[in-house]
PDB file of all heavy atoms in Angstrom:
ATOM      1  N   ASP A   1       5.545   7.085  -3.830  1.00  0.00           N
ATOM      2  CA  ASP A   1       6.017   7.739  -5.057  1.00  0.00           C
ATOM      3  C   ASP A   1       5.972   6.779  -6.250  1.00  0.00           C
ATOM      4  O   ASP A   1       5.623   7.175  -7.362  1.00  0.00           O
ATOM      5  CB  ASP A   1       7.451   8.265  -4.877  1.00  0.00           C
ATOM      6  CG  ASP A   1       7.532   9.402  -3.866  1.00  0.00           C
ATOM      7  OD1 ASP A   1       6.458   9.951  -3.499  1.00  0.00           O
ATOM      8  OD2 ASP A   1       8.653   9.727  -3.417  1.00  0.00           O
ATOM      9  N   LEU A   2       6.344   5.516  -6.004  1.00  0.00           N
ATOM     10  CA  LEU A   2       6.353   4.527  -7.093  1.00  0.00           C
ATOM     11  C   LEU A   2       4.940   4.287  -7.625  1.00  0.00           C
ATOM     12  O   LEU A   2       4.718   4.266  -8.840  1.00  0.00           O
ATOM     13  CB  LEU A   2       6.970   3.212  -6.605  1.00  0.00           C
ATOM     14  CG  LEU A   2       6.966   2.054  -7.610  1.00  0.00           C
ATOM     15  CD1 LEU A   2       7.733   2.415  -8.888  1.00  0.00           C
ATOM     16  CD2 LEU A   2       7.548   0.778  -6.983  1.00  0.00           C
ATOM     17  N   VAL A   3       3.974   4.117  -6.706  1.00  0.00           N
ATOM     18  CA  VAL A   3       2.583   3.890  -7.133  1.00  0.00           C
ATOM     19  C   VAL A   3       2.102   5.088  -7.969  1.00  0.00           C
ATOM     20  O   VAL A   3       1.488   4.916  -9.024  1.00  0.00           O
ATOM     21  CB  VAL A   3       1.654   3.655  -5.917  1.00  0.00           C
ATOM     22  CG1 VAL A   3       0.187   3.642  -6.337  1.00  0.00           C
ATOM     23  CG2 VAL A   3       2.006   2.324  -5.228  1.00  0.00           C
ATOM     24  N   ALA A   4       2.437   6.304  -7.524  1.00  0.00           N
ATOM     25  CA  ALA A   4       2.033   7.514  -8.262  1.00  0.00           C
ATOM     26  C   ALA A   4       2.683   7.544  -9.643  1.00  0.00           C
ATOM     27  O   ALA A   4       2.041   7.869 -10.650  1.00  0.00           O
ATOM     28  CB  ALA A   4       2.400   8.761  -7.464  1.00  0.00           C
ATOM     29  N   ALA A   5       3.969   7.178  -9.712  1.00  0.00           N
ATOM     30  CA  ALA A   5       4.699   7.193 -10.991  1.00  0.00           C
ATOM     31  C   ALA A   5       4.127   6.174 -11.971  1.00  0.00           C
ATOM     32  O   ALA A   5       3.986   6.453 -13.169  1.00  0.00           O
ATOM     33  CB  ALA A   5       6.187   6.910 -10.745  1.00  0.00           C
ATOM     34  N   ILE A   6       3.777   4.999 -11.461  1.00  0.00           N
ATOM     35  CA  ILE A   6       3.198   3.952 -12.327  1.00  0.00           C
ATOM     36  C   ILE A   6       1.867   4.431 -12.904  1.00  0.00           C
ATOM     37  O   ILE A   6       1.609   4.298 -14.103  1.00  0.00           O
ATOM     38  CB  ILE A   6       3.023   2.632 -11.527  1.00  0.00           C
ATOM     39  CG1 ILE A   6       4.388   2.015 -11.202  1.00  0.00           C
ATOM     40  CG2 ILE A   6       2.161   1.634 -12.309  1.00  0.00           C
ATOM     41  CD1 ILE A   6       4.353   0.863 -10.207  1.00  0.00           C
ATOM     42  N   ARG A   7       1.053   5.017 -12.053  1.00  0.00           N
ATOM     43  CA  ARG A   7      -0.269   5.482 -12.521  1.00  0.00           C
ATOM     44  C   ARG A   7      -0.143   6.677 -13.466  1.00  0.00           C
ATOM     45  O   ARG A   7      -0.967   6.853 -14.359  1.00  0.00           O
ATOM     46  CB  ARG A   7      -1.146   5.826 -11.321  1.00  0.00           C
ATOM     47  CG  ARG A   7      -1.663   4.568 -10.634  1.00  0.00           C
ATOM     48  CD  ARG A   7      -2.519   4.881  -9.464  1.00  0.00           C
ATOM     49  NE  ARG A   7      -3.262   3.705  -9.031  1.00  0.00           N
ATOM     50  CZ  ARG A   7      -3.729   3.538  -7.803  1.00  0.00           C
ATOM     51  NH1 ARG A   7      -3.527   4.480  -6.895  1.00  0.00           N
ATOM     52  NH2 ARG A   7      -4.403   2.452  -7.489  1.00  0.00           N
ATOM     53  N   ASP A   8       0.901   7.455 -13.249  1.00  0.00           N
ATOM     54  CA  ASP A   8       1.123   8.606 -14.122  1.00  0.00           C
ATOM     55  C   ASP A   8       1.515   8.131 -15.528  1.00  0.00           C
ATOM     56  O   ASP A   8       1.064   8.670 -16.528  1.00  0.00           O
ATOM     57  CB  ASP A   8       2.234   9.484 -13.516  1.00  0.00           C
ATOM     58  CG  ASP A   8       2.486  10.724 -14.355  1.00  0.00           C
ATOM     59  OD1 ASP A   8       1.510  11.448 -14.626  1.00  0.00           O
ATOM     60  OD2 ASP A   8       3.639  10.954 -14.755  1.00  0.00           O
ATOM     61  N   LYS A   9       2.364   7.094 -15.586  1.00  0.00           N
ATOM     62  CA  LYS A   9       2.841   6.591 -16.873  1.00  0.00           C
ATOM     63  C   LYS A   9       1.801   5.751 -17.593  1.00  0.00           C
ATOM     64  O   LYS A   9       1.756   5.730 -18.829  1.00  0.00           O
ATOM     65  CB  LYS A   9       4.122   5.766 -16.674  1.00  0.00           C
ATOM     66  CG  LYS A   9       5.350   6.613 -16.439  1.00  0.00           C
ATOM     67  CD  LYS A   9       6.596   5.892 -16.953  1.00  0.00           C
ATOM     68  CE  LYS A   9       7.788   6.821 -17.010  1.00  0.00           C
ATOM     69  NZ  LYS A   9       8.732   6.482 -18.070  1.00  0.00           N
ATOM     70  N   VAL A  10       0.997   4.991 -16.830  1.00  0.00           N
ATOM     71  CA  VAL A  10      -0.040   4.146 -17.458  1.00  0.00           C
ATOM     72  C   VAL A  10      -1.387   4.460 -16.792  1.00  0.00           C
ATOM     73  O   VAL A  10      -1.825   3.767 -15.875  1.00  0.00           O
ATOM     74  CB  VAL A  10       0.279   2.632 -17.320  1.00  0.00           C
ATOM     75  CG1 VAL A  10      -0.718   1.791 -18.118  1.00  0.00           C
ATOM     76  CG2 VAL A  10       1.694   2.325 -17.785  1.00  0.00           C
ATOM     77  N   PRO A  11      -2.063   5.512 -17.249  1.00  0.00           N
ATOM     78  CA  PRO A  11      -3.358   5.864 -16.648  1.00  0.00           C
ATOM     79  C   PRO A  11      -4.339   4.696 -16.788  1.00  0.00           C
ATOM     80  O   PRO A  11      -4.395   4.043 -17.824  1.00  0.00           O
ATOM     81  CB  PRO A  11      -3.813   7.062 -17.485  1.00  0.00           C
ATOM     82  CG  PRO A  11      -2.563   7.610 -18.100  1.00  0.00           C
ATOM     83  CD  PRO A  11      -1.666   6.434 -18.322  1.00  0.00           C
ATOM     84  N   GLY A  12      -5.069   4.426 -15.700  1.00  0.00           N
ATOM     85  CA  GLY A  12      -6.065   3.349 -15.748  1.00  0.00           C
ATOM     86  C   GLY A  12      -5.509   1.968 -15.464  1.00  0.00           C
ATOM     87  O   GLY A  12      -6.234   0.977 -15.522  1.00  0.00           O
ATOM     88  N   ILE A  13      -4.214   1.867 -15.136  1.00  0.00           N
ATOM     89  CA  ILE A  13      -3.621   0.557 -14.852  1.00  0.00           C
ATOM     90  C   ILE A  13      -4.257  -0.052 -13.606  1.00  0.00           C
ATOM     91  O   ILE A  13      -4.607   0.655 -12.659  1.00  0.00           O
ATOM     92  CB  ILE A  13      -2.086   0.683 -14.666  1.00  0.00           C
ATOM     93  CG1 ILE A  13      -1.432  -0.704 -14.613  1.00  0.00           C
ATOM     94  CG2 ILE A  13      -1.735   1.496 -13.422  1.00  0.00           C
ATOM     95  CD1 ILE A  13       0.101  -0.663 -14.654  1.00  0.00           C
ATOM     96  N   ALA A  14      -4.451  -1.374 -13.616  1.00  0.00           N
ATOM     97  CA  ALA A  14      -4.935  -2.090 -12.419  1.00  0.00           C
ATOM     98  C   ALA A  14      -3.722  -2.577 -11.635  1.00  0.00           C
ATOM     99  O   ALA A  14      -2.871  -3.278 -12.180  1.00  0.00           O
ATOM    100  CB  ALA A  14      -5.808  -3.267 -12.827  1.00  0.00           C
ATOM    101  N   LEU A  15      -3.638  -2.196 -10.365  1.00  0.00           N
ATOM    102  CA  LEU A  15      -2.517  -2.596  -9.514  1.00  0.00           C
ATOM    103  C   LEU A  15      -2.969  -3.621  -8.490  1.00  0.00           C
ATOM    104  O   LEU A  15      -3.920  -3.387  -7.741  1.00  0.00           O
ATOM    105  CB  LEU A  15      -1.942  -1.382  -8.787  1.00  0.00           C
ATOM    106  CG  LEU A  15      -1.130  -0.405  -9.633  1.00  0.00           C
ATOM    107  CD1 LEU A  15      -0.710   0.796  -8.799  1.00  0.00           C
ATOM    108  CD2 LEU A  15       0.104  -1.083 -10.218  1.00  0.00           C
ATOM    109  N   ARG A  16      -2.269  -4.753  -8.491  1.00  0.00           N
ATOM    110  CA  ARG A  16      -2.537  -5.803  -7.509  1.00  0.00           C
ATOM    111  C   ARG A  16      -1.338  -5.909  -6.580  1.00  0.00           C
ATOM    112  O   ARG A  16      -0.196  -5.746  -7.011  1.00  0.00           O
ATOM    113  CB  ARG A  16      -2.747  -7.141  -8.224  1.00  0.00           C
ATOM    114  CG  ARG A  16      -2.848  -8.301  -7.269  1.00  0.00           C
ATOM    115  CD  ARG A  16      -3.116  -9.653  -7.886  1.00  0.00           C
ATOM    116  NE  ARG A  16      -3.286 -10.583  -6.779  1.00  0.00           N
ATOM    117  CZ  ARG A  16      -4.390 -10.690  -6.054  1.00  0.00           C
ATOM    118  NH1 ARG A  16      -5.442  -9.974  -6.355  1.00  0.00           N
ATOM    119  NH2 ARG A  16      -4.448 -11.520  -5.037  1.00  0.00           N
ATOM    120  N   SER A  17      -1.588  -6.184  -5.286  1.00  0.00           N
ATOM    121  CA  SER A  17      -0.465  -6.385  -4.374  1.00  0.00           C
ATOM    122  C   SER A  17      -0.791  -7.450  -3.336  1.00  0.00           C
ATOM    123  O   SER A  17      -1.954  -7.817  -3.155  1.00  0.00           O
ATOM    124  CB  SER A  17      -0.115  -5.073  -3.656  1.00  0.00           C
ATOM    125  OG  SER A  17       1.129  -5.217  -3.004  1.00  0.00           O
ATOM    126  N   THR A  18       0.275  -7.948  -2.701  1.00  0.00           N
ATOM    127  CA  THR A  18       0.084  -8.835  -1.543  1.00  0.00           C
ATOM    128  C   THR A  18       0.744  -8.189  -0.328  1.00  0.00           C
ATOM    129  O   THR A  18       1.746  -7.480  -0.459  1.00  0.00           O
ATOM    130  CB  THR A  18       0.707 -10.235  -1.771  1.00  0.00           C
ATOM    131  OG1 THR A  18       2.016 -10.075  -2.298  1.00  0.00           O
ATOM    132  CG2 THR A  18      -0.131 -11.054  -2.717  1.00  0.00           C
ATOM    133  N   LEU A  19       0.151  -8.450   0.832  1.00  0.00           N
ATOM    134  CA  LEU A  19       0.621  -7.878   2.092  1.00  0.00           C
ATOM    135  C   LEU A  19       0.762  -8.983   3.132  1.00  0.00           C
ATOM    136  O   LEU A  19       0.154 -10.050   2.998  1.00  0.00           O
ATOM    137  CB  LEU A  19      -0.383  -6.833   2.596  1.00  0.00           C
ATOM    138  CG  LEU A  19      -0.756  -5.709   1.617  1.00  0.00           C
ATOM    139  CD1 LEU A  19      -1.940  -4.913   2.152  1.00  0.00           C
ATOM    140  CD2 LEU A  19       0.434  -4.799   1.340  1.00  0.00           C
ATOM    141  N   ILE A  20       1.555  -8.700   4.166  1.00  0.00           N
ATOM    142  CA  ILE A  20       1.738  -9.659   5.264  1.00  0.00           C
ATOM    143  C   ILE A  20       1.265  -9.014   6.565  1.00  0.00           C
ATOM    144  O   ILE A  20       1.656  -7.881   6.882  1.00  0.00           O
ATOM    145  CB  ILE A  20       3.212 -10.075   5.402  1.00  0.00           C
ATOM    146  CG1 ILE A  20       3.664 -10.866   4.162  1.00  0.00           C
ATOM    147  CG2 ILE A  20       3.432 -10.921   6.664  1.00  0.00           C
ATOM    148  CD1 ILE A  20       5.144 -11.192   4.143  1.00  0.00           C
ATOM    149  N   ALA A  21       0.424  -9.743   7.300  1.00  0.00           N
ATOM    150  CA  ALA A  21      -0.026  -9.276   8.623  1.00  0.00           C
ATOM    151  C   ALA A  21       0.636 -10.131   9.707  1.00  0.00           C
ATOM    152  O   ALA A  21       0.754 -11.344   9.557  1.00  0.00           O
ATOM    153  CB  ALA A  21      -1.545  -9.396   8.729  1.00  0.00           C
ATOM    154  N   GLY A  22       1.064  -9.465  10.780  1.00  0.00           N
ATOM    155  CA  GLY A  22       1.564 -10.219  11.937  1.00  0.00           C
ATOM    156  C   GLY A  22       3.038 -10.568  11.903  1.00  0.00           C
ATOM    157  O   GLY A  22       3.482 -11.478  12.607  1.00  0.00           O
ATOM    158  N   PHE A  23       3.832  -9.830  11.117  1.00  0.00           N
ATOM    159  CA  PHE A  23       5.288 -10.045  11.130  1.00  0.00           C
ATOM    160  C   PHE A  23       5.819  -9.699  12.524  1.00  0.00           C
ATOM    161  O   PHE A  23       5.272  -8.808  13.187  1.00  0.00           O
ATOM    162  CB  PHE A  23       5.941  -9.152  10.065  1.00  0.00           C
ATOM    163  CG  PHE A  23       7.408  -9.397   9.868  1.00  0.00           C
ATOM    164  CD1 PHE A  23       7.841 -10.393   9.009  1.00  0.00           C
ATOM    165  CD2 PHE A  23       8.359  -8.636  10.541  1.00  0.00           C
ATOM    166  CE1 PHE A  23       9.208 -10.627   8.822  1.00  0.00           C
ATOM    167  CE2 PHE A  23       9.721  -8.863  10.367  1.00  0.00           C
ATOM    168  CZ  PHE A  23      10.147  -9.866   9.506  1.00  0.00           C
ATOM    169  N   PRO A  24       6.868 -10.394  12.999  1.00  0.00           N
ATOM    170  CA  PRO A  24       7.393 -10.114  14.343  1.00  0.00           C
ATOM    171  C   PRO A  24       7.660  -8.626  14.565  1.00  0.00           C
ATOM    172  O   PRO A  24       8.285  -7.968  13.729  1.00  0.00           O
ATOM    173  CB  PRO A  24       8.709 -10.910  14.377  1.00  0.00           C
ATOM    174  CG  PRO A  24       8.462 -12.059  13.457  1.00  0.00           C
ATOM    175  CD  PRO A  24       7.599 -11.516  12.357  1.00  0.00           C
ATOM    176  N   GLY A  25       7.139  -8.128  15.681  1.00  0.00           N
ATOM    177  CA  GLY A  25       7.361  -6.720  16.035  1.00  0.00           C
ATOM    178  C   GLY A  25       6.329  -5.770  15.451  1.00  0.00           C
ATOM    179  O   GLY A  25       6.393  -4.562  15.707  1.00  0.00           O
ATOM    180  N   GLU A  26       5.360  -6.286  14.659  1.00  0.00           N
ATOM    181  CA  GLU A  26       4.338  -5.398  14.091  1.00  0.00           C
ATOM    182  C   GLU A  26       3.487  -4.812  15.216  1.00  0.00           C
ATOM    183  O   GLU A  26       3.000  -5.536  16.086  1.00  0.00           O
ATOM    184  CB  GLU A  26       3.448  -6.180  13.115  1.00  0.00           C
ATOM    185  CG  GLU A  26       2.443  -5.295  12.384  1.00  0.00           C
ATOM    186  CD  GLU A  26       1.498  -6.096  11.488  1.00  0.00           C
ATOM    187  OE1 GLU A  26       0.776  -6.971  12.037  1.00  0.00           O
ATOM    188  OE2 GLU A  26       1.487  -5.854  10.279  1.00  0.00           O
ATOM    189  N   THR A  27       3.318  -3.491  15.181  1.00  0.00           N
ATOM    190  CA  THR A  27       2.545  -2.805  16.226  1.00  0.00           C
ATOM    191  C   THR A  27       1.184  -2.377  15.677  1.00  0.00           C
ATOM    192  O   THR A  27       0.937  -2.445  14.472  1.00  0.00           O
ATOM    193  CB  THR A  27       3.285  -1.542  16.691  1.00  0.00           C
ATOM    194  OG1 THR A  27       3.368  -0.643  15.566  1.00  0.00           O
ATOM    195  CG2 THR A  27       4.688  -1.863  17.191  1.00  0.00           C
ATOM    196  N   ARG A  28       0.336  -1.899  16.564  1.00  0.00           N
ATOM    197  CA  ARG A  28      -0.970  -1.363  16.135  1.00  0.00           C
ATOM    198  C   ARG A  28      -0.758  -0.196  15.174  1.00  0.00           C
ATOM    199  O   ARG A  28      -1.481  -0.037  14.196  1.00  0.00           O
ATOM    200  CB  ARG A  28      -1.778  -0.863  17.343  1.00  0.00           C
ATOM    201  CG  ARG A  28      -2.574  -1.863  18.107  1.00  0.00           C
ATOM    202  CD  ARG A  28      -3.526  -2.732  17.333  1.00  0.00           C
ATOM    203  NE  ARG A  28      -4.326  -2.073  16.322  1.00  0.00           N
ATOM    204  CZ  ARG A  28      -5.050  -2.702  15.406  1.00  0.00           C
ATOM    205  NH1 ARG A  28      -5.075  -4.001  15.362  1.00  0.00           N
ATOM    206  NH2 ARG A  28      -5.760  -2.041  14.517  1.00  0.00           N
ATOM    207  N   ASP A  29       0.276   0.595  15.453  1.00  0.00           N
ATOM    208  CA  ASP A  29       0.560   1.743  14.594  1.00  0.00           C
ATOM    209  C   ASP A  29       0.917   1.287  13.173  1.00  0.00           C
ATOM    210  O   ASP A  29       0.487   1.897  12.187  1.00  0.00           O
ATOM    211  CB  ASP A  29       1.712   2.575  15.196  1.00  0.00           C
ATOM    212  CG  ASP A  29       1.969   3.829  14.370  1.00  0.00           C
ATOM    213  OD1 ASP A  29       1.013   4.582  14.113  1.00  0.00           O
ATOM    214  OD2 ASP A  29       3.128   4.048  13.955  1.00  0.00           O
ATOM    215  N   ASP A  30       1.679   0.200  13.067  1.00  0.00           N
ATOM    216  CA  ASP A  30       2.030  -0.342  11.746  1.00  0.00           C
ATOM    217  C   ASP A  30       0.776  -0.774  10.975  1.00  0.00           C
ATOM    218  O   ASP A  30       0.665  -0.536   9.772  1.00  0.00           O
ATOM    219  CB  ASP A  30       2.965  -1.557  11.894  1.00  0.00           C
ATOM    220  CG  ASP A  30       4.302  -1.198  12.515  1.00  0.00           C
ATOM    221  OD1 ASP A  30       4.801  -0.086  12.254  1.00  0.00           O
ATOM    222  OD2 ASP A  30       4.844  -2.024  13.274  1.00  0.00           O
ATOM    223  N   VAL A  31      -0.148  -1.402  11.696  1.00  0.00           N
ATOM    224  CA  VAL A  31      -1.403  -1.857  11.067  1.00  0.00           C
ATOM    225  C   VAL A  31      -2.209  -0.654  10.589  1.00  0.00           C
ATOM    226  O   VAL A  31      -2.740  -0.640   9.468  1.00  0.00           O
ATOM    227  CB  VAL A  31      -2.236  -2.728  12.043  1.00  0.00           C
ATOM    228  CG1 VAL A  31      -3.580  -3.113  11.428  1.00  0.00           C
ATOM    229  CG2 VAL A  31      -1.460  -3.985  12.441  1.00  0.00           C
ATOM    230  N   GLU A  32      -2.278   0.390  11.420  1.00  0.00           N
ATOM    231  CA  GLU A  32      -3.027   1.602  11.052  1.00  0.00           C
ATOM    232  C   GLU A  32      -2.401   2.278   9.835  1.00  0.00           C
ATOM    233  O   GLU A  32      -3.108   2.777   8.963  1.00  0.00           O
ATOM    234  CB  GLU A  32      -3.099   2.583  12.238  1.00  0.00           C
ATOM    235  CG  GLU A  32      -3.959   2.101  13.412  1.00  0.00           C
ATOM    236  CD  GLU A  32      -5.371   1.686  13.016  1.00  0.00           C
ATOM    237  OE1 GLU A  32      -5.992   2.387  12.188  1.00  0.00           O
ATOM    238  OE2 GLU A  32      -5.853   0.649  13.519  1.00  0.00           O
ATOM    239  N   GLN A  33      -1.068   2.274   9.769  1.00  0.00           N
ATOM    240  CA  GLN A  33      -0.382   2.867   8.609  1.00  0.00           C
ATOM    241  C   GLN A  33      -0.725   2.109   7.326  1.00  0.00           C
ATOM    242  O   GLN A  33      -0.904   2.708   6.265  1.00  0.00           O
ATOM    243  CB  GLN A  33       1.135   2.824   8.823  1.00  0.00           C
ATOM    244  CG  GLN A  33       1.671   3.925   9.711  1.00  0.00           C
ATOM    245  CD  GLN A  33       3.196   3.950   9.665  1.00  0.00           C
ATOM    246  OE1 GLN A  33       3.816   4.084   8.623  1.00  0.00           O
ATOM    247  NE2 GLN A  33       3.808   3.811  10.834  1.00  0.00           N
ATOM    248  N   LEU A  34      -0.821   0.794   7.457  1.00  0.00           N
ATOM    249  CA  LEU A  34      -1.149  -0.038   6.289  1.00  0.00           C
ATOM    250  C   LEU A  34      -2.575   0.243   5.811  1.00  0.00           C
ATOM    251  O   LEU A  34      -2.830   0.375   4.608  1.00  0.00           O
ATOM    252  CB  LEU A  34      -0.964  -1.520   6.664  1.00  0.00           C
ATOM    253  CG  LEU A  34      -0.912  -2.546   5.537  1.00  0.00           C
ATOM    254  CD1 LEU A  34      -0.023  -2.105   4.391  1.00  0.00           C
ATOM    255  CD2 LEU A  34      -0.447  -3.895   6.076  1.00  0.00           C
ATOM    256  N   LYS A  35      -3.497   0.370   6.763  1.00  0.00           N
ATOM    257  CA  LYS A  35      -4.896   0.681   6.403  1.00  0.00           C
ATOM    258  C   LYS A  35      -4.984   2.069   5.748  1.00  0.00           C
ATOM    259  O   LYS A  35      -5.676   2.256   4.745  1.00  0.00           O
ATOM    260  CB  LYS A  35      -5.788   0.617   7.655  1.00  0.00           C
ATOM    261  CG  LYS A  35      -6.087  -0.814   8.089  1.00  0.00           C
ATOM    262  CD  LYS A  35      -6.457  -0.933   9.550  1.00  0.00           C
ATOM    263  CE  LYS A  35      -7.761  -0.225   9.896  1.00  0.00           C
ATOM    264  NZ  LYS A  35      -8.099  -0.420  11.320  1.00  0.00           N
ATOM    265  N   LYS A  36      -4.233   3.018   6.297  1.00  0.00           N
ATOM    266  CA  LYS A  36      -4.246   4.377   5.725  1.00  0.00           C
ATOM    267  C   LYS A  36      -3.673   4.359   4.307  1.00  0.00           C
ATOM    268  O   LYS A  36      -4.178   5.034   3.400  1.00  0.00           O
ATOM    269  CB  LYS A  36      -3.446   5.329   6.621  1.00  0.00           C
ATOM    270  CG  LYS A  36      -3.503   6.774   6.103  1.00  0.00           C
ATOM    271  CD  LYS A  36      -2.779   7.749   6.994  1.00  0.00           C
ATOM    272  CE  LYS A  36      -2.943   9.186   6.514  1.00  0.00           C
ATOM    273  NZ  LYS A  36      -2.517   9.433   5.126  1.00  0.00           N
ATOM    274  N   PHE A  37      -2.614   3.593   4.119  1.00  0.00           N
ATOM    275  CA  PHE A  37      -2.013   3.465   2.787  1.00  0.00           C
ATOM    276  C   PHE A  37      -3.044   2.965   1.768  1.00  0.00           C
ATOM    277  O   PHE A  37      -3.167   3.517   0.671  1.00  0.00           O
ATOM    278  CB  PHE A  37      -0.814   2.509   2.857  1.00  0.00           C
ATOM    279  CG  PHE A  37      -0.269   2.100   1.511  1.00  0.00           C
ATOM    280  CD1 PHE A  37       0.431   3.016   0.725  1.00  0.00           C
ATOM    281  CD2 PHE A  37      -0.458   0.808   1.023  1.00  0.00           C
ATOM    282  CE1 PHE A  37       0.940   2.635  -0.531  1.00  0.00           C
ATOM    283  CE2 PHE A  37       0.034   0.429  -0.222  1.00  0.00           C
ATOM    284  CZ  PHE A  37       0.742   1.350  -0.999  1.00  0.00           C
ATOM    285  N   LEU A  38      -3.793   1.927   2.144  1.00  0.00           N
ATOM    286  CA  LEU A  38      -4.817   1.391   1.233  1.00  0.00           C
ATOM    287  C   LEU A  38      -5.870   2.455   0.924  1.00  0.00           C
ATOM    288  O   LEU A  38      -6.314   2.578  -0.227  1.00  0.00           O
ATOM    289  CB  LEU A  38      -5.470   0.145   1.828  1.00  0.00           C
ATOM    290  CG  LEU A  38      -4.576  -1.092   1.944  1.00  0.00           C
ATOM    291  CD1 LEU A  38      -5.334  -2.251   2.590  1.00  0.00           C
ATOM    292  CD2 LEU A  38      -4.025  -1.530   0.587  1.00  0.00           C
ATOM    293  N   GLU A  39      -6.253   3.220   1.938  1.00  0.00           N
ATOM    294  CA  GLU A  39      -7.243   4.286   1.715  1.00  0.00           C
ATOM    295  C   GLU A  39      -6.664   5.400   0.839  1.00  0.00           C
ATOM    296  O   GLU A  39      -7.358   5.971   0.005  1.00  0.00           O
ATOM    297  CB  GLU A  39      -7.710   4.857   3.067  1.00  0.00           C
ATOM    298  CG  GLU A  39      -8.674   3.921   3.779  1.00  0.00           C
ATOM    299  CD  GLU A  39      -8.851   4.244   5.264  1.00  0.00           C
ATOM    300  OE1 GLU A  39      -8.102   5.101   5.784  1.00  0.00           O
ATOM    301  OE2 GLU A  39      -9.718   3.626   5.900  1.00  0.00           O
ATOM    302  N   ASP A  40      -5.374   5.670   1.011  1.00  0.00           N
ATOM    303  CA  ASP A  40      -4.726   6.747   0.237  1.00  0.00           C
ATOM    304  C   ASP A  40      -4.575   6.374  -1.237  1.00  0.00           C
ATOM    305  O   ASP A  40      -4.904   7.149  -2.122  1.00  0.00           O
ATOM    306  CB  ASP A  40      -3.325   7.055   0.800  1.00  0.00           C
ATOM    307  CG  ASP A  40      -3.369   7.766   2.144  1.00  0.00           C
ATOM    308  OD1 ASP A  40      -4.447   8.275   2.518  1.00  0.00           O
ATOM    309  OD2 ASP A  40      -2.321   7.796   2.831  1.00  0.00           O
ATOM    310  N   VAL A  41      -4.030   5.172  -1.493  1.00  0.00           N
ATOM    311  CA  VAL A  41      -3.664   4.852  -2.889  1.00  0.00           C
ATOM    312  C   VAL A  41      -4.719   4.020  -3.606  1.00  0.00           C
ATOM    313  O   VAL A  41      -4.702   3.917  -4.824  1.00  0.00           O
ATOM    314  CB  VAL A  41      -2.283   4.157  -2.988  1.00  0.00           C
ATOM    315  CG1 VAL A  41      -1.198   5.008  -2.369  1.00  0.00           C
ATOM    316  CG2 VAL A  41      -2.306   2.774  -2.375  1.00  0.00           C
TER     317      VAL A  41
END
């Protein structure tokens, strides 16, 4: 929702982020969710 709101308020904004891979307890499902998120937004 936040990413959508930012883009709605500032059309054309460039969004940069950092992510962490391999945090304790991270599962394959968590990794897949992260990849889907990148594809979605």
